[in-house]
C-alpha cells in the first residue's frame, strides 16, 4: 500500500505569468536607476556636473576606473 502512494504522479505547479501592466512600472524604475548610476559614475564631473563640489567624483572614483571611464 505504501508503494502505491509513492508511485502516483503528482502535478507540479506552474508559476503564473506576470502581466505586462504589472511589470512595466518596475522595468521603468529599474531603467531610471540604471541611467542615474551610469550618469553619476561616468559623467558627473567637470562641465556636465549637476552637483557642485568634488564629493560625487571622489565617491565614484574607484568605480570609474573599474568600469573604464576616464576621470583625470
N, C-alpha and C. Protein backbone atom coordinates (compact mmCIF):
# COMPACT_ATOMS: atom_id res chain seq x y z
N UNK A 1 0.82 -1.17 0.00
CA UNK A 1 0.00 0.00 0.00
C UNK A 1 0.88 1.26 0.00
N UNK A 2 2.02 1.23 0.68
CA UNK A 2 2.91 2.37 0.68
C UNK A 2 3.52 2.58 -0.70
N UNK A 3 3.76 1.48 -1.44
CA UNK A 3 4.32 1.61 -2.78
C UNK A 3 3.34 2.28 -3.73
N UNK A 4 2.06 2.03 -3.58
CA UNK A 4 1.06 2.65 -4.45
C UNK A 4 1.00 4.15 -4.22
N UNK A 5 1.18 4.59 -2.98
CA UNK A 5 1.13 6.02 -2.69
C UNK A 5 2.35 6.72 -3.26
N UNK A 6 3.49 6.05 -3.31
CA UNK A 6 4.70 6.67 -3.83
C UNK A 6 4.71 6.72 -5.34
N UNK A 7 4.01 5.83 -6.00
CA UNK A 7 4.08 5.77 -7.45
C UNK A 7 3.03 6.64 -8.14
N UNK A 8 2.12 7.24 -7.41
CA UNK A 8 1.11 8.07 -8.06
C UNK A 8 1.75 9.40 -8.47
N UNK A 9 1.51 9.80 -9.68
CA UNK A 9 2.12 11.05 -10.14
C UNK A 9 1.45 12.26 -9.47
N UNK A 10 2.26 13.21 -9.14
CA UNK A 10 1.74 14.45 -8.56
C UNK A 10 1.95 15.58 -9.56
N UNK A 11 1.02 16.45 -9.63
CA UNK A 11 1.12 17.58 -10.56
C UNK A 11 2.04 18.64 -9.96
N UNK A 12 2.97 19.10 -10.75
CA UNK A 12 3.85 20.17 -10.29
C UNK A 12 3.21 21.51 -10.66
N UNK A 13 3.14 22.40 -9.71
CA UNK A 13 2.52 23.70 -10.02
C UNK A 13 3.40 24.52 -10.96
N UNK A 14 2.76 25.18 -11.89
CA UNK A 14 3.48 26.06 -12.80
C UNK A 14 3.21 27.50 -12.40
N UNK A 15 4.23 28.34 -12.38
CA UNK A 15 4.01 29.73 -12.00
C UNK A 15 3.17 30.47 -13.03
N UNK A 16 2.33 31.36 -12.56
CA UNK A 16 1.51 32.17 -13.45
C UNK A 16 2.36 33.27 -14.07
N UNK A 17 2.15 33.58 -15.33
CA UNK A 17 2.92 34.67 -15.94
C UNK A 17 2.54 36.02 -15.34
N UNK A 18 3.51 36.91 -15.26
CA UNK A 18 3.27 38.24 -14.71
C UNK A 18 2.77 39.12 -15.85
N UNK A 19 1.62 39.76 -15.67
CA UNK A 19 1.10 40.63 -16.74
C UNK A 19 2.03 41.83 -16.97
N UNK A 20 2.09 42.28 -18.21
CA UNK A 20 2.97 43.37 -18.58
C UNK A 20 2.61 44.66 -17.84
N UNK A 21 1.35 44.89 -17.57
CA UNK A 21 0.95 46.12 -16.87
C UNK A 21 1.44 46.13 -15.43
N UNK A 22 1.75 44.98 -14.86
CA UNK A 22 2.32 44.92 -13.51
C UNK A 22 3.84 45.02 -13.55
N UNK A 23 4.43 44.58 -14.63
CA UNK A 23 5.88 44.55 -14.77
C UNK A 23 6.46 45.87 -15.28
N UNK A 24 5.70 46.58 -16.09
CA UNK A 24 6.19 47.80 -16.74
C UNK A 24 6.65 48.88 -15.77
N UNK A 25 5.91 49.21 -14.70
CA UNK A 25 6.41 50.25 -13.79
C UNK A 25 7.74 49.88 -13.15
N UNK A 26 7.94 48.63 -12.81
CA UNK A 26 9.21 48.21 -12.21
C UNK A 26 10.33 48.25 -13.23
N UNK A 27 10.04 47.92 -14.48
CA UNK A 27 11.06 47.98 -15.52
C UNK A 27 11.49 49.43 -15.78
N UNK A 28 10.53 50.35 -15.81
CA UNK A 28 10.86 51.76 -16.00
C UNK A 28 11.67 52.28 -14.81
N UNK A 29 11.28 51.91 -13.60
CA UNK A 29 12.01 52.32 -12.41
C UNK A 29 13.45 51.79 -12.44
N UNK A 30 13.63 50.53 -12.83
CA UNK A 30 14.97 49.95 -12.93
C UNK A 30 15.82 50.64 -13.98
N UNK A 31 15.22 50.96 -15.12
CA UNK A 31 15.97 51.67 -16.16
C UNK A 31 16.35 53.08 -15.71
N UNK A 32 15.48 53.74 -14.98
CA UNK A 32 15.79 55.07 -14.46
C UNK A 32 16.96 55.01 -13.47
N UNK A 33 16.93 54.03 -12.57
CA UNK A 33 18.04 53.88 -11.63
C UNK A 33 19.34 53.55 -12.34
N UNK A 34 19.28 52.70 -13.36
CA UNK A 34 20.48 52.36 -14.12
C UNK A 34 21.03 53.58 -14.85
N UNK A 35 20.16 54.39 -15.43
CA UNK A 35 20.61 55.59 -16.13
C UNK A 35 21.25 56.58 -15.17
N UNK A 36 20.67 56.74 -13.98
CA UNK A 36 21.27 57.63 -12.98
C UNK A 36 22.62 57.11 -12.52
N UNK A 37 22.73 55.82 -12.33
CA UNK A 37 24.01 55.24 -11.90
C UNK A 37 25.08 55.43 -12.97
N UNK A 38 24.72 55.22 -14.23
CA UNK A 38 25.70 55.41 -15.31
C UNK A 38 26.10 56.88 -15.41
N UNK A 39 25.13 57.79 -15.23
CA UNK A 39 25.47 59.22 -15.27
C UNK A 39 26.45 59.57 -14.15
N UNK A 40 26.13 59.17 -12.93
CA UNK A 40 26.98 59.57 -11.80
C UNK A 40 28.35 58.93 -11.86
N UNK A 41 28.44 57.71 -12.35
CA UNK A 41 29.75 57.07 -12.45
C UNK A 41 30.51 57.58 -13.66
N UNK A 42 29.82 57.85 -14.76
CA UNK A 42 30.51 58.17 -15.99
C UNK A 42 30.64 59.62 -16.37
N UNK A 43 29.73 60.49 -15.91
CA UNK A 43 29.75 61.85 -16.44
C UNK A 43 29.68 62.95 -15.40
N UNK A 44 29.48 62.64 -14.15
CA UNK A 44 29.31 63.67 -13.12
C UNK A 44 30.67 64.26 -12.74
N UNK A 45 31.16 65.12 -13.59
CA UNK A 45 32.40 65.83 -13.31
C UNK A 45 32.56 66.94 -14.33
N UNK A 46 33.29 67.92 -14.01
CA UNK A 46 33.64 68.97 -14.96
C UNK A 46 32.46 69.77 -15.47
N UNK A 47 32.40 69.97 -16.80
CA UNK A 47 31.41 70.84 -17.41
C UNK A 47 29.99 70.27 -17.31
N UNK A 48 29.83 68.96 -17.21
CA UNK A 48 28.50 68.36 -17.14
C UNK A 48 28.02 68.16 -15.72
N UNK A 49 28.71 68.70 -14.76
CA UNK A 49 28.38 68.48 -13.35
C UNK A 49 27.07 69.15 -12.97
N UNK A 50 26.17 68.40 -12.39
CA UNK A 50 24.91 68.93 -11.88
C UNK A 50 25.02 69.31 -10.42
N UNK A 51 25.96 68.72 -9.73
CA UNK A 51 26.12 68.93 -8.29
C UNK A 51 27.48 69.58 -8.07
N UNK A 52 27.51 70.70 -7.34
CA UNK A 52 28.76 71.40 -7.10
C UNK A 52 29.69 70.62 -6.19
N UNK A 53 30.96 70.93 -6.28
CA UNK A 53 31.95 70.26 -5.45
C UNK A 53 32.49 69.01 -6.10
N UNK A 54 33.36 68.33 -5.37
CA UNK A 54 34.00 67.14 -5.91
C UNK A 54 33.63 65.87 -5.15
N UNK A 55 32.64 65.93 -4.27
CA UNK A 55 32.35 64.76 -3.44
C UNK A 55 31.75 63.62 -4.24
N UNK A 56 30.95 63.91 -5.28
CA UNK A 56 30.41 62.82 -6.11
C UNK A 56 31.53 62.16 -6.88
N UNK A 57 32.45 62.97 -7.41
CA UNK A 57 33.59 62.41 -8.13
C UNK A 57 34.44 61.53 -7.22
N UNK A 58 34.70 61.99 -6.03
CA UNK A 58 35.51 61.20 -5.10
C UNK A 58 34.79 59.93 -4.65
N UNK A 59 33.47 60.01 -4.51
CA UNK A 59 32.70 58.84 -4.08
C UNK A 59 32.68 57.76 -5.16
N UNK A 60 32.64 58.16 -6.42
CA UNK A 60 32.56 57.18 -7.52
C UNK A 60 33.91 56.98 -8.22
N UNK A 61 34.99 57.51 -7.65
CA UNK A 61 36.29 57.49 -8.32
C UNK A 61 36.76 56.06 -8.66
N UNK A 62 36.73 55.16 -7.72
CA UNK A 62 37.21 53.80 -7.98
C UNK A 62 36.29 53.08 -8.96
N UNK A 63 35.00 53.34 -8.88
CA UNK A 63 34.07 52.73 -9.83
C UNK A 63 34.33 53.18 -11.25
N UNK A 64 34.74 54.44 -11.42
CA UNK A 64 35.07 54.94 -12.75
C UNK A 64 36.23 54.17 -13.34
N UNK A 65 37.28 53.97 -12.56
CA UNK A 65 38.43 53.24 -13.06
C UNK A 65 38.09 51.78 -13.31
N UNK A 66 37.29 51.19 -12.45
CA UNK A 66 36.90 49.79 -12.62
C UNK A 66 36.12 49.59 -13.91
N UNK A 67 35.23 50.53 -14.23
CA UNK A 67 34.40 50.42 -15.44
C UNK A 67 35.05 51.00 -16.68
N UNK A 68 36.23 51.58 -16.55
CA UNK A 68 36.96 52.08 -17.71
C UNK A 68 36.62 53.50 -18.10
N UNK A 69 35.95 54.27 -17.26
CA UNK A 69 35.66 55.67 -17.56
C UNK A 69 36.88 56.51 -17.22
N UNK A 70 37.30 57.40 -18.12
CA UNK A 70 38.42 58.27 -17.77
C UNK A 70 37.94 59.36 -16.82
N UNK A 71 38.77 59.73 -15.87
CA UNK A 71 38.37 60.79 -14.95
C UNK A 71 39.47 61.78 -14.67
N UNK A 72 40.69 61.53 -15.09
CA UNK A 72 41.74 62.53 -14.92
C UNK A 72 42.86 62.29 -15.88
